[in-house]
């Protein structure tokens, strides 16, 4: 069998698998129930602790704290804790100025070099938190006034152990950032689809809620504390291993947390390398298989593109068919997500993003598991 024939077979097999996976993920998105985009009418029963780990966020944290302290949520049920992670700017003093509005400041002062300061920050905050439900978000996020009441109302209604909620990029300043918004919707949809299908795979710590006692029952971050990232996804895997039926997704416009895309390619690559570095800690073989299948398909697609270009002017209908199936599958998966986020105009960028996505996924799949990268001014691995 020739190399060209082997590549063709590889492309056919991976294309079929990828298309089936995308259709399966689409099914998972629609299996998540819609949650009313208004405050829950039920009485909030639980005390809630909102936690933020912040490092050098003086430009963003005022807006985030204003969003949280102004939530339409019972003040006697709300606790806000910000952990300052060795900031060298005025983050700590800004947070301290919110003390009269119920915001508690914790400052880290670690002498030893760690690989995951964020997990340490969250663990410290949980140890001092009084809430039954922990809600994590980031210091550069924005939320609507009904965010917390929607999330917690649904948390209590479903008797969840962990609740993932949507995160969307907004206020883009460039075309590059708009492309990231579309790609990030794909990732958020992937996490929601896994939960809808009963096999949670991923979530985002910028909008995540879980029971405080469940955190300790799962051993907290023990066993994953040597990985810089993963305070969200790897914790999700711990919970899902024993209680997948109590992991839910809050599909509501009011539950969306908005944040910013990366301003340049270097910061984008660094972020994606950090996210990909978590894959070495995955214990669920189904999650590993999903990631490997997607990576192999994109590798096959790049191989097909090289073969296509090298053999011009001959036209390889197999390669063109794989491209068409990829675009079709991704369109029918991401179109409902764009409608949900009220960003349907972004779909015009899908053909370009689909090609770029294939190239960068192959690279990130390798680069994310070797070497070190920058995060918050630190070099980690």
Foldseek 3Di string as FASTA:
>chain_A
DDPVVVLLVLLVVLLVVVLVVLVLLLLLLVLADAFEQDFDPDDQDWQEEEEEEDAQLPVAQVQVVVQVLLAPHPPVRYAYEYEYEPHPDCPQVVQVVCVVSRYHYHYDDDPDDAQAVPLVRVVVCLVPDPTQKYWYAYSRKHAHNRQVSRQSVVCVVLVAQKEAEAEAEDPDDDPVQLLVRLVVLVVQSSQSSCLSVLHGQAGDSNTMMGGSVVCVVLVNCPPPRRQHDDNGRVSVLSCSVPCSVRYHYHLYPNNYMYGHDDPDDQVNLLVLLSVLQCLVVDPPVVNVVVLVSVLSNLVSLVVVVVVQVVDPPDHDVSSVVSLVSLLVSVCSRSCVSCVSNVNNVSNVCSSVSSNVVSVVSNVSNPSSNDDWGDDSRDIHD
